Protein backbone atom coordinates (compact mmCIF):
# COMPACT_ATOMS: atom_id res chain seq x y z
CA MET A 1 5.72 13.93 2.10
CA THR A 2 4.91 14.24 -1.36
CA SER A 3 1.50 12.92 -2.33
CA GLY A 4 1.87 10.22 -5.29
CA ARG A 5 -1.70 9.06 -4.75
CA LYS A 6 -2.86 7.00 -7.67
CA THR A 7 -6.44 5.00 -8.43
CA LEU A 8 -5.72 1.43 -10.17
CA VAL A 9 -8.11 -0.89 -10.86
CA TRP A 10 -6.60 -4.42 -11.60
CA GLY A 11 -7.66 -7.77 -12.03
CA LYS A 12 -6.60 -10.68 -10.16
CA GLU A 13 -3.56 -11.49 -11.92
CA GLN A 14 -2.20 -7.89 -11.66
CA VAL A 15 -2.52 -7.52 -7.93
CA ILE A 16 -0.57 -10.93 -7.72
CA GLU A 17 2.24 -9.55 -9.84
CA HIS A 18 2.28 -6.24 -8.17
CA ALA A 19 2.40 -8.16 -4.84
CA GLU A 20 4.99 -10.62 -5.99
CA LYS A 21 7.51 -7.59 -7.21
CA LEU A 22 6.80 -5.73 -3.45
CA LEU A 23 7.79 -8.93 -1.78
CA ALA A 24 10.97 -9.08 -3.88
CA ALA A 25 11.75 -5.48 -3.32
CA ALA A 26 11.44 -6.07 0.48
CA LYS A 27 13.45 -9.00 0.68
CA ALA A 28 16.27 -7.54 -1.23
CA GLY A 29 16.31 -4.12 1.09
CA GLU A 30 14.77 -2.09 -1.20
CA LEU A 31 11.70 -0.58 0.78
CA ASP A 32 13.89 1.09 3.45
CA ASP A 33 13.32 4.56 2.22
CA VAL A 34 10.12 3.97 0.40
CA VAL A 35 6.50 3.64 2.65
CA MET A 36 3.34 2.59 0.81
CA ALA A 37 -0.26 2.34 1.76
CA HIS A 38 -2.96 0.37 -0.10
CA ARG A 39 -6.46 -0.23 0.61
CA LEU A 40 -7.64 -3.96 -0.45
CA PHE A 41 -11.29 -4.49 -0.85
CA LYS A 42 -12.85 -7.84 -0.26
CA SER A 43 -15.46 -9.30 -2.40
CA ASP A 44 -17.77 -9.05 0.73
CA GLY A 45 -17.74 -5.44 0.62
CA SER A 46 -15.29 -4.86 3.59
CA PHE A 47 -11.84 -3.52 3.28
CA GLU A 48 -8.17 -3.60 4.91
CA ASP A 49 -5.78 -1.04 4.75
CA ILE A 50 -2.14 -1.55 4.82
CA ALA A 51 1.23 0.10 4.92
CA PHE A 52 4.59 -1.42 4.29
CA GLY A 53 8.24 0.25 4.24
CA GLY A 54 9.68 3.04 6.11
CA THR A 55 9.53 3.37 9.81
CA GLU A 56 6.46 2.60 11.86
CA GLU A 57 5.71 6.41 12.41
CA GLN A 58 5.83 6.73 8.43
CA ARG A 59 3.39 3.91 7.98
CA ALA A 60 1.28 5.28 10.90
CA ALA A 61 1.11 8.48 9.23
CA LEU A 62 0.28 7.44 5.37
CA LEU A 63 -2.35 5.35 6.84
CA GLU A 64 -3.83 8.08 8.56
CA LYS A 65 -3.14 10.33 5.56
CA LEU A 66 -5.26 7.29 3.54
CA ARG A 67 -8.10 7.22 6.00
CA ALA A 68 -8.34 10.92 6.14
CA THR A 69 -9.49 10.61 2.37
CA ASP A 70 -12.71 8.93 3.10
CA ASP A 71 -15.81 9.94 1.45
């Protein structure tokens, strides 16, 4: 698995646009061979890790990798 980790700082509109593009790609079946993980930070300071695309095993491995980079 190649690391293409990026740090992005987006406003609300950019997040919505990105989510809409991902949803359209998923509906079109374009995420079968792609797996992504995102960490969503909430205004209360908590966060949620999500992964999508790929297989269940790929998603689990990517979430593990994301969590292993926690400081």
